C-alpha cells in the first residue's frame, strides 16, 4: 500500500514538473529591446597631466655672482621684467674704457681732418709758387735752381695731402673698431641682467643671493601660462578617429565635479611604444586661474556624432570579436538570433549595431536564461523577467 502511494505521489510530481517545463518552454518571455537613439556622441577617454607647451629654463650667458633676485615661484612677470642681476662692476669699467677709446678715435679723426686742411692749403700755395717759378724760367727771368726747388716743394706738399688723407681713413677705421668693441662690452654688460623673455609664470627658482654661477646655469624655470594644456594618453585601439579641433571635456583631479570645456590641439606623431598609447594634447577653452603643472586630469574627447543608432550592451552580444557578434532579436513576437556587424563602442560599454538586423526586428538588450530561437517573446518597458 505504501509503495503504491509513493508511486502515485511521484507520478503527480513528475506530471507537475513536465507541465511547468512545458509552460516555461512554450510561454512568452518578457524582454527589453534597444530603442533607436538620435545624435549619439561617440567619445574616447584618456588620462593625462596638466603641462605647459612653452617652458624655459633661463640663466645668465656669463659667469658671475648673483647680487639681486626679483622674482619668486608662483609669480607672474611681464615680458622684459628684471628677474635677477649679477655683480657687474668689472664689466662697467670695461664699458667706460671702451667709451673713452671711442672718444679718442673721434679726436684722432678730428686731428687728421685738420691736418688735411693744412696740407691742402700748403699744397695750393706751393703749386702757385711753382707755376710762377716755371713761367719765370721760361722767360729767362728766373733760375733753374729756383724752378726745381719750387717743383720739389709742390710735390712734397702733395705727398702731405695724400698722407693726411690716409690718416683720416685710418682714424675712421679706428672709430669703427672702437665702436664695435664698445658695443661688445655693452652687450656683455646686458648679459649681467636676466629679463623675462615673454609674459611668464615662475615655476622654479634654482639660485639665491650670493650664488656663484657658471655661464648658462639655470636660475629660473618659466612657463607661458597662456599655453597650459593637458597632455593625455589614449589607447591606440580607440584613438583612430581623433582629430585636431574635436571638442573635449577635462576633469582635474582637484576638481572632480567640474567639467572644463576644451578641444584637441595637437596629436603627436609618435606613440608610446611600451604602453601602446597615443599622446594627445587638449587645450582649455578657458585656462583655470589656479592650475598645477603635473596634476592628473581625465579627458573625454567627442570623435563622432551618430545621427541614428541602435545601441546594445556588451553583455547582450555573444561571440564578440573583430567587429562581429551574435544578438537576440524579437521578430513578429518570437525570438531569433542574428550575426551582426558592430560599429562604435561607447564609454558605457554599449556597441552600435551597424548591420545584420532585419527590418522591423528589435534587438534584445538583456538576454535571459532559457532563450531559444522561435520562443514567443513579449517586449516590456520595465526590467525583464
Protein backbone atom coordinates (compact mmCIF):
# COMPACT_ATOMS: atom_id res chain seq x y z
CA UNK A 1 0.00 0.00 0.00
CA UNK A 2 2.78 2.44 0.93
CA UNK A 3 4.64 1.68 -2.27
CA UNK A 4 1.52 2.40 -4.30
CA UNK A 5 1.06 5.71 -2.51
CA UNK A 6 4.69 6.73 -3.17
CA UNK A 7 4.41 5.83 -6.83
CA UNK A 8 1.29 7.97 -7.11
CA UNK A 9 3.00 10.94 -5.47
CA UNK A 10 6.00 10.60 -7.77
CA UNK A 11 3.75 10.40 -10.82
CA UNK A 12 1.88 13.53 -9.81
CA UNK A 13 5.16 15.39 -9.15
CA UNK A 14 6.58 14.31 -12.50
CA UNK A 15 3.48 15.45 -14.31
CA UNK A 16 3.72 18.79 -12.49
CA UNK A 17 7.35 19.22 -13.46
CA UNK A 18 6.60 18.32 -17.07
CA UNK A 19 3.77 20.83 -17.12
CA UNK A 20 5.97 23.53 -15.56
CA UNK A 21 8.73 22.84 -18.09
CA UNK A 22 6.27 22.91 -20.94
CA UNK A 23 4.87 26.23 -19.68
CA UNK A 24 8.35 27.65 -19.29
CA UNK A 25 9.46 26.38 -22.68
CA UNK A 26 6.48 27.50 -24.70
CA UNK A 27 5.18 30.53 -22.78
CA UNK A 28 6.16 34.05 -23.85
CA UNK A 29 9.23 35.54 -22.16
CA UNK A 30 9.43 39.20 -21.24
CA UNK A 31 12.44 41.00 -22.75
CA UNK A 32 13.73 44.52 -23.17
CA UNK A 33 14.82 45.75 -26.58
CA UNK A 34 17.02 48.59 -27.79
CA UNK A 35 15.29 51.74 -28.96
CA UNK A 36 16.84 53.79 -31.79
CA UNK A 37 18.59 56.90 -30.50
CA UNK A 38 19.44 60.15 -32.22
CA UNK A 39 22.55 62.31 -32.08
CA UNK A 40 24.64 59.88 -30.08
CA UNK A 41 28.08 61.19 -29.12
CA UNK A 42 30.93 58.72 -29.55
CA UNK A 43 33.69 59.51 -27.07
CA UNK A 44 37.10 58.25 -26.07
CA UNK A 45 38.69 58.51 -22.65
CA UNK A 46 42.24 59.23 -21.63
CA UNK A 47 44.34 60.09 -18.59
CA UNK A 48 46.97 62.78 -18.64
CA UNK A 49 48.62 65.62 -16.77
CA UNK A 50 48.48 69.40 -16.89
CA UNK A 51 51.52 70.72 -18.76
CA UNK A 52 52.73 73.90 -20.45
CA UNK A 53 53.62 73.88 -24.13
CA UNK A 54 56.11 76.74 -23.66
CA UNK A 55 58.51 76.12 -20.78
CA UNK A 56 62.02 77.56 -20.46
CA UNK A 57 64.99 77.23 -18.14
CA UNK A 58 66.67 80.65 -18.12
CA UNK A 59 70.04 81.77 -16.81
CA UNK A 60 72.91 84.18 -17.47
CA UNK A 61 75.14 83.89 -20.53
CA UNK A 62 78.15 84.89 -18.45
CA UNK A 63 79.57 83.69 -15.17
CA UNK A 64 79.24 85.77 -12.03
CA UNK A 65 77.83 86.21 -8.55
CA UNK A 66 74.12 86.85 -8.02
CA UNK A 67 73.57 90.19 -6.23
CA UNK A 68 69.86 90.73 -6.89
CA UNK A 69 66.86 88.38 -7.27
CA UNK A 70 63.50 89.94 -8.10
CA UNK A 71 61.13 87.01 -8.88
CA UNK A 72 59.87 84.06 -6.90
CA UNK A 73 57.95 80.84 -7.51
CA UNK A 74 54.31 81.35 -8.48
CA UNK A 75 54.75 84.97 -9.56
CA UNK A 76 53.69 86.17 -13.00
CA UNK A 77 56.11 88.54 -14.69
CA UNK A 78 55.63 90.61 -17.86
CA UNK A 79 57.97 90.35 -20.82
CA UNK A 80 61.20 92.28 -20.18
CA UNK A 81 60.80 92.36 -16.40
CA UNK A 82 64.05 92.10 -14.41
CA UNK A 83 64.37 88.68 -12.80
CA UNK A 84 67.91 88.75 -11.39
CA UNK A 85 71.27 90.55 -11.69
CA UNK A 86 74.96 89.65 -11.42
CA UNK A 87 77.77 91.75 -9.95
CA UNK A 88 78.68 93.96 -12.94
CA UNK A 89 81.26 96.43 -11.54
CA UNK A 90 84.15 94.99 -13.52
CA UNK A 91 82.14 94.96 -16.72
CA UNK A 92 81.01 98.55 -16.22
CA UNK A 93 84.67 99.55 -16.01
CA UNK A 94 85.30 97.83 -19.33
CA UNK A 95 82.40 99.73 -20.86
CA UNK A 96 83.81 103.02 -19.57
CA UNK A 97 87.22 102.19 -21.03
CA UNK A 98 85.69 101.29 -24.39
CA UNK A 99 83.69 104.54 -24.35
CA UNK A 100 86.90 106.51 -23.78
CA UNK A 101 88.55 104.65 -26.66
CA UNK A 102 85.73 105.68 -28.97
CA UNK A 103 86.12 109.31 -27.88
CA UNK A 104 89.89 109.10 -28.54
CA UNK A 105 89.36 107.76 -32.06
CA UNK A 106 86.97 110.61 -32.81
CA UNK A 107 89.61 113.07 -31.58
CA UNK A 108 92.18 111.42 -33.84
CA UNK A 109 89.82 111.82 -36.78
CA UNK A 110 89.35 115.49 -36.00
CA UNK A 111 93.14 115.93 -35.80
CA UNK A 112 93.64 114.14 -39.11
CA UNK A 113 90.92 116.23 -40.73
CA UNK A 114 92.63 119.46 -39.56
CA UNK A 115 95.95 118.13 -40.86
CA UNK A 116 94.35 117.53 -44.24
CA UNK A 117 93.07 121.06 -44.36
CA UNK A 118 96.56 122.40 -43.56
CA UNK A 119 98.23 120.08 -46.09
CA UNK A 120 95.72 121.09 -48.76
CA UNK A 121 96.41 124.80 -48.13
CA UNK A 122 100.18 124.21 -48.25
CA UNK A 123 99.84 122.29 -51.47
CA UNK A 124 97.79 125.08 -53.07
CA UNK A 125 100.40 127.68 -52.07
CA UNK A 126 103.28 125.51 -53.28
CA UNK A 127 101.52 124.91 -56.56
CA UNK A 128 101.03 128.64 -57.13
CA UNK A 129 104.69 129.37 -56.37
CA UNK A 130 105.84 126.54 -58.63
CA UNK A 131 103.74 127.74 -61.53
CA UNK A 132 105.18 131.25 -61.12
CA UNK A 133 108.75 129.94 -60.97
CA UNK A 134 108.22 127.83 -64.08
CA UNK A 135 106.95 130.86 -66.03
CA UNK A 136 109.93 132.94 -64.94
CA UNK A 137 112.25 130.14 -66.09
CA UNK A 138 110.61 130.06 -69.49
CA UNK A 139 111.06 133.82 -69.90
CA UNK A 140 114.71 133.53 -68.76
CA UNK A 141 113.84 135.70 -65.74
CA UNK A 142 114.42 133.02 -63.15
CA UNK A 143 116.99 130.38 -62.39
CA UNK A 144 116.69 126.67 -62.97
CA UNK A 145 117.55 126.06 -59.32
CA UNK A 146 114.63 128.17 -58.09
CA UNK A 147 112.26 126.42 -60.51
CA UNK A 148 113.39 122.96 -59.37
CA UNK A 149 113.08 123.93 -55.72
CA UNK A 150 109.54 125.20 -56.25
CA UNK A 151 108.63 121.96 -58.05
CA UNK A 152 110.02 119.85 -55.19
CA UNK A 153 108.12 121.86 -52.60
CA UNK A 154 104.88 121.34 -54.56
CA UNK A 155 105.49 117.58 -54.76
CA UNK A 156 106.19 117.41 -51.02
CA UNK A 157 103.03 119.35 -50.26
CA UNK A 158 101.01 116.96 -52.47
CA UNK A 159 102.54 113.98 -50.61
CA UNK A 160 101.47 115.56 -47.32
CA UNK A 161 97.89 115.78 -48.66
CA UNK A 162 97.94 112.06 -49.52
CA UNK A 163 99.44 111.23 -46.12
CA UNK A 164 96.82 113.14 -44.16
CA UNK A 165 94.10 111.61 -46.32
CA UNK A 166 95.39 108.17 -45.29
CA UNK A 167 95.45 109.31 -41.66
CA UNK A 168 91.75 110.17 -41.96
CA UNK A 169 90.97 106.71 -43.37
CA UNK A 170 92.90 105.10 -40.51
CA UNK A 171 91.09 107.25 -37.96
CA UNK A 172 87.71 106.32 -39.38
CA UNK A 173 88.61 102.60 -39.30
CA UNK A 174 89.75 103.02 -35.70
CA UNK A 175 86.38 104.59 -34.87
CA UNK A 176 84.60 101.56 -36.35
CA UNK A 177 86.77 99.15 -34.37
CA UNK A 178 86.39 101.10 -31.11
CA UNK A 179 82.63 101.40 -31.61
CA UNK A 180 82.33 97.65 -32.22
CA UNK A 181 84.39 96.99 -29.08
CA UNK A 182 82.11 99.30 -27.10
CA UNK A 183 79.03 97.50 -28.42
CA UNK A 184 80.54 94.17 -27.40
CA UNK A 185 81.29 95.40 -23.89
CA UNK A 186 77.80 96.88 -23.56
CA UNK A 187 76.29 93.57 -24.68
CA UNK A 188 78.36 91.75 -22.06
CA UNK A 189 77.08 94.24 -19.52
CA UNK A 190 73.50 93.48 -20.56
CA UNK A 191 74.23 89.78 -20.02
CA UNK A 192 74.66 90.58 -16.31
CA UNK A 193 70.90 91.18 -16.04
CA UNK A 194 68.30 88.46 -16.57
CA UNK A 195 64.94 89.53 -18.03
CA UNK A 196 61.74 87.60 -18.75
CA UNK A 197 61.69 86.56 -22.44
CA UNK A 198 57.87 86.60 -22.53
CA UNK A 199 54.87 87.09 -20.24
CA UNK A 200 55.67 84.24 -17.91
CA UNK A 201 55.00 82.45 -14.66
CA UNK A 202 57.88 81.35 -12.43
CA UNK A 203 57.66 77.66 -11.56
CA UNK A 204 61.18 77.02 -10.21
CA UNK A 205 63.77 79.31 -8.56
CA UNK A 206 67.07 77.44 -8.53
CA UNK A 207 69.53 80.02 -7.18
CA UNK A 208 69.65 82.56 -4.37
CA UNK A 209 71.60 85.73 -3.49
CA UNK A 210 75.35 85.19 -3.36
CA UNK A 211 75.32 82.13 -5.62
CA UNK A 212 78.34 81.88 -7.90
CA UNK A 213 77.11 80.82 -11.32
CA UNK A 214 78.72 79.37 -14.38
CA UNK A 215 77.70 80.58 -17.81
CA UNK A 216 74.38 79.09 -18.87
CA UNK A 217 73.45 77.76 -15.44
CA UNK A 218 69.65 77.85 -14.91
CA UNK A 219 68.34 80.32 -12.34
CA UNK A 220 64.59 80.10 -13.06
CA UNK A 221 62.18 77.82 -14.86
CA UNK A 222 59.44 79.79 -16.62
CA UNK A 223 56.26 78.82 -18.42
CA UNK A 224 53.89 80.76 -20.62
CA UNK A 225 50.57 80.45 -18.73
CA UNK A 226 48.64 81.00 -21.96
CA UNK A 227 49.97 77.68 -23.29
CA UNK A 228 48.79 75.43 -20.45
CA UNK A 229 47.02 72.29 -21.68
CA UNK A 230 46.52 68.63 -20.81
CA UNK A 231 48.83 66.04 -22.35
CA UNK A 232 46.66 62.92 -22.40
CA UNK A 233 47.42 59.30 -23.26
CA UNK A 234 44.80 57.49 -25.36
CA UNK A 235 44.77 53.75 -26.07
CA UNK A 236 45.81 53.27 -29.70
CA UNK A 237 42.84 50.97 -30.31
CA UNK A 238 40.48 53.85 -29.53
CA UNK A 239 42.45 56.77 -30.95
CA UNK A 240 41.93 56.19 -34.66
CA UNK A 241 39.20 58.79 -35.13
CA UNK A 242 40.71 61.55 -33.01
CA UNK A 243 41.41 64.72 -34.99
CA UNK A 244 42.65 68.20 -34.18
CA UNK A 245 39.82 70.57 -33.31
CA UNK A 246 37.44 67.97 -31.87
CA UNK A 247 35.61 69.05 -28.68
CA UNK A 248 36.67 67.62 -25.35
CA UNK A 249 35.93 67.78 -21.67
CA UNK A 250 38.60 67.99 -18.98
CA UNK A 251 38.20 66.96 -15.35
CA UNK A 252 41.02 67.91 -12.99
CA UNK A 253 41.69 65.61 -10.08
CA UNK A 254 41.45 68.55 -7.67
CA UNK A 255 38.01 69.49 -9.06
CA UNK A 256 36.26 66.17 -9.74
CA UNK A 257 32.78 67.71 -10.02
CA UNK A 258 33.73 70.32 -12.61
CA UNK A 259 33.87 69.65 -16.34
CA UNK A 260 36.01 72.11 -18.26
CA UNK A 261 35.48 72.57 -21.99
CA UNK A 262 38.43 72.09 -24.31
CA UNK A 263 39.47 70.83 -27.73
CA UNK A 264 42.14 68.67 -29.31
CA UNK A 265 45.10 70.95 -30.01
CA UNK A 266 47.76 68.50 -31.18
CA UNK A 267 48.24 64.80 -31.87
CA UNK A 268 51.84 63.78 -31.51
CA UNK A 269 53.13 61.67 -34.41
CA UNK A 270 54.99 59.24 -32.13
CA UNK A 271 53.15 56.88 -29.79
CA UNK A 272 54.39 55.33 -26.56
CA UNK A 273 55.89 52.05 -27.76
CA UNK A 274 55.65 50.35 -24.35
CA UNK A 275 52.13 51.29 -23.29
CA UNK A 276 50.77 51.44 -26.87
CA UNK A 277 49.20 54.82 -26.24
CA UNK A 278 48.94 57.92 -28.37
CA UNK A 279 49.85 61.30 -26.89
CA UNK A 280 47.12 63.87 -27.48
CA UNK A 281 47.31 67.49 -26.28
CA UNK A 282 43.96 69.00 -25.26
CA UNK A 283 43.76 72.77 -24.75
CA UNK A 284 41.42 74.54 -22.34
CA UNK A 285 38.69 76.75 -23.76
CA UNK A 286 39.35 78.92 -20.69
CA UNK A 287 42.51 78.15 -18.73
CA UNK A 288 41.76 77.82 -14.99
CA UNK A 289 43.04 80.74 -12.96
CA UNK A 290 44.73 78.41 -10.48
CA UNK A 291 46.34 75.42 -12.12
CA UNK A 292 49.04 72.99 -11.04
CA UNK A 293 51.51 71.58 -13.51
CA UNK A 294 51.69 67.81 -13.33
CA UNK A 295 48.18 67.45 -11.88
CA UNK A 296 46.35 64.38 -13.14
CA UNK A 297 43.43 65.06 -15.46
CA UNK A 298 40.79 62.99 -17.19
CA UNK A 299 39.99 63.79 -20.81
CA UNK A 300 36.88 62.80 -22.76
CA UNK A 301 37.06 63.56 -26.50
CA UNK A 302 33.97 63.50 -28.71
CA UNK A 303 35.08 62.00 -32.02
CA UNK A 304 31.79 61.29 -33.85
CA UNK A 305 28.08 62.10 -33.59
CA UNK A 306 25.79 59.30 -34.78
CA UNK A 307 22.61 60.71 -36.31
CA UNK A 308 20.65 57.50 -35.59
CA UNK A 309 21.93 54.44 -33.77
CA UNK A 310 20.81 51.17 -32.22
CA UNK A 311 22.96 50.53 -29.14
CA UNK A 312 23.32 47.21 -27.32
CA UNK A 313 25.25 46.42 -24.09
CA UNK A 314 28.28 44.18 -24.41
CA UNK A 315 26.51 41.60 -22.21
CA UNK A 316 23.84 41.19 -24.89
CA UNK A 317 26.38 40.20 -27.56
CA UNK A 318 27.83 36.71 -27.74
CA UNK A 319 30.88 35.71 -29.75
CA UNK A 320 32.15 39.28 -29.68
CA UNK A 321 35.33 39.86 -31.68
CA UNK A 322 36.76 41.72 -34.67
CA UNK A 323 33.71 43.92 -35.01
CA UNK A 324 31.30 40.96 -35.17
CA UNK A 325 28.91 39.30 -32.73
CA UNK A 326 25.58 37.50 -32.30
CA UNK A 327 22.47 39.06 -30.77
CA UNK A 328 18.91 38.02 -29.97
CA UNK A 329 16.08 39.80 -31.73
CA UNK A 330 12.33 39.89 -31.46
CA UNK A 331 10.57 39.42 -34.81
CA UNK A 332 6.79 39.05 -35.09
CA UNK A 333 6.63 38.22 -31.39
CA UNK A 334 9.25 35.46 -31.49
CA UNK A 335 12.96 35.25 -30.71
CA UNK A 336 15.62 34.96 -33.39
CA UNK A 337 19.41 35.08 -33.45
CA UNK A 338 21.49 37.03 -35.96
CA UNK A 339 25.16 37.67 -36.60
CA UNK A 340 25.68 41.41 -36.75
CA UNK A 341 28.39 43.88 -37.66
CA UNK A 342 29.31 46.22 -34.83
CA UNK A 343 30.35 49.84 -35.07
CA UNK A 344 31.48 52.28 -32.43
CA UNK A 345 31.78 51.36 -28.77
CA UNK A 346 30.60 53.95 -26.26
CA UNK A 347 32.23 54.68 -22.93
CA UNK A 348 29.34 52.95 -21.10
CA UNK A 349 30.13 49.66 -22.88
CA UNK A 350 27.33 49.72 -25.46
CA UNK A 351 28.03 48.88 -29.10
CA UNK A 352 26.49 50.36 -32.21
CA UNK A 353 24.74 47.76 -34.41
CA UNK A 354 25.70 48.70 -37.95
CA UNK A 355 24.14 45.87 -39.94
CA UNK A 356 22.76 42.35 -39.74
CA UNK A 357 19.39 43.07 -38.08
CA UNK A 358 16.37 42.57 -40.39
CA UNK A 359 13.97 45.45 -40.93
CA UNK A 360 11.32 45.58 -38.23
CA UNK A 361 13.32 43.45 -35.78
CA UNK A 362 14.16 44.69 -32.30
CA UNK A 363 17.44 43.77 -30.60
CA UNK A 364 17.25 42.29 -27.10
CA UNK A 365 19.35 44.30 -24.66
CA UNK A 366 19.33 41.96 -21.64
CA UNK A 367 19.22 38.27 -22.62
CA UNK A 368 17.85 35.84 -20.03
CA UNK A 369 18.37 32.16 -19.50
CA UNK A 370 16.07 29.87 -21.45
CA UNK A 371 16.03 31.90 -24.65
CA UNK A 372 15.69 29.84 -27.81
CA UNK A 373 15.01 30.60 -31.40
CA UNK A 374 11.28 30.62 -32.08
CA UNK A 375 10.15 31.10 -28.50
CA UNK A 376 7.44 33.68 -28.01
CA UNK A 377 8.64 36.96 -26.57
CA UNK A 378 6.91 39.97 -25.18
CA UNK A 379 8.60 43.37 -25.20
CA UNK A 380 8.38 45.15 -21.87
CA UNK A 381 9.40 48.61 -20.81
CA UNK A 382 10.37 47.58 -17.29
CA UNK A 383 13.03 45.17 -16.24
CA UNK A 384 12.83 41.78 -18.00
CA UNK A 385 11.50 38.75 -16.09
